[in-house]
Protein backbone atom coordinates (compact mmCIF):
# COMPACT_ATOMS: atom_id res chain seq x y z
CA UNK A 1 86.70 64.56 133.76
CA UNK A 2 83.64 62.97 131.89
CA UNK A 3 81.40 60.71 133.74
CA UNK A 4 83.08 56.95 133.13
CA UNK A 5 79.69 55.55 133.16
CA UNK A 6 78.63 57.47 130.29
CA UNK A 7 81.66 56.86 128.30
CA UNK A 8 81.45 53.26 128.97
CA UNK A 9 77.51 53.34 127.65
CA UNK A 10 78.82 55.10 124.77
CA UNK A 11 81.58 52.54 123.87
CA UNK A 12 79.05 49.98 124.12
CA UNK A 13 76.69 51.10 121.53
CA UNK A 14 79.18 53.00 119.24
CA UNK A 15 81.89 52.01 117.23
CA UNK A 16 84.86 54.66 117.71
CA UNK A 17 86.06 56.66 115.78
CA UNK A 18 82.59 57.92 114.59
CA UNK A 19 81.21 60.76 112.84
CA UNK A 20 79.22 62.73 115.25
CA UNK A 21 76.66 65.69 115.16
CA UNK A 22 76.32 68.08 118.09
CA UNK A 23 74.08 70.61 118.69
CA UNK A 24 73.99 73.33 121.35
CA UNK A 25 71.31 76.17 121.54
CA UNK A 26 71.58 79.41 123.53
CA UNK A 27 71.77 83.16 123.04
CA UNK A 28 72.18 84.75 119.67
CA UNK A 29 75.62 86.19 120.21
CA UNK A 30 79.02 85.80 118.30
CA UNK A 31 80.32 84.65 121.90
CA UNK A 32 78.09 81.83 122.14
CA UNK A 33 78.91 80.45 118.80
CA UNK A 34 82.78 80.60 119.45
CA UNK A 35 82.50 79.37 122.68
CA UNK A 36 80.62 76.15 121.62
CA UNK A 37 83.06 75.75 118.92
CA UNK A 38 86.14 76.02 121.23
CA UNK A 39 84.49 73.28 123.50
CA UNK A 40 84.09 70.91 120.75
CA UNK A 41 87.64 71.45 119.32
CA UNK A 42 89.19 71.02 122.97
CA UNK A 43 87.14 68.09 123.49
CA UNK A 44 87.50 66.14 120.37
CA UNK A 45 91.14 67.26 120.39
CA UNK A 46 90.73 69.08 116.78
CA UNK A 47 93.31 70.91 115.19
CA UNK A 48 91.12 72.60 112.76
CA UNK A 49 87.98 74.35 113.20
CA UNK A 50 84.67 72.16 112.45
CA UNK A 51 82.25 72.74 110.11
CA UNK A 52 79.57 75.01 111.99
CA UNK A 53 75.95 75.56 110.92
CA UNK A 54 74.00 77.78 112.92
CA UNK A 55 69.88 79.03 112.75
CA UNK A 56 68.62 81.82 114.44
CA UNK A 57 65.06 81.58 115.96
CA UNK A 58 62.27 83.88 114.32
CA UNK A 59 62.27 86.27 117.02
CA UNK A 60 66.40 86.18 116.66
CA UNK A 61 66.68 85.97 120.52
CA UNK A 62 68.65 82.40 120.28
CA UNK A 63 70.70 80.46 118.15
CA UNK A 64 71.58 76.68 117.19
CA UNK A 65 74.95 75.97 116.40
CA UNK A 66 75.61 72.34 114.83
CA UNK A 67 78.97 70.72 114.49
CA UNK A 68 79.72 67.51 112.69
CA UNK A 69 83.25 66.20 113.47
CA UNK A 70 84.79 62.68 114.09
CA UNK A 71 85.05 61.65 117.75
CA UNK A 72 88.04 59.19 118.36
CA UNK A 73 87.04 57.77 121.55
CA UNK A 74 83.85 57.45 123.98
CA UNK A 75 85.97 59.13 126.59
CA UNK A 76 86.70 62.29 124.10
CA UNK A 77 82.74 62.36 123.17
CA UNK A 78 81.54 62.42 126.80
CA UNK A 79 84.14 65.17 127.78
CA UNK A 80 82.83 67.14 124.89
CA UNK A 81 79.38 67.10 126.09
CA UNK A 82 80.76 67.95 129.59
CA UNK A 83 82.39 71.03 128.25
CA UNK A 84 79.55 71.72 125.95
CA UNK A 85 76.99 71.85 129.16
CA UNK A 86 79.10 74.32 131.02
CA UNK A 87 79.38 76.93 127.93
CA UNK A 88 77.87 80.24 129.40
CA UNK A 89 74.09 80.80 128.10
CA UNK A 90 73.68 77.18 127.03
CA UNK A 91 70.15 76.05 127.27
CA UNK A 92 70.03 73.00 125.49
CA UNK A 93 72.69 70.48 124.32
CA UNK A 94 72.10 67.69 121.97
């Protein structure tokens, strides 16, 4: 379960539902991109695959996955970030 203090802070500073942009950086593999997409779909309870943009580093070793979606509640957004942090290979989550 997502940290309640984080969700409370989000609620105090944002008006939900709200469009959010999330980014995860990790290994340049199809599995990483799919895992990030699944984590966001599950955390935000999306019934569709969200719009996803990717950008590969010049050395092709890492990939940045950027997804825009609507977060219905602060708790949903906090849970989504918790899920993203658990994606195997994630080295940065924004």
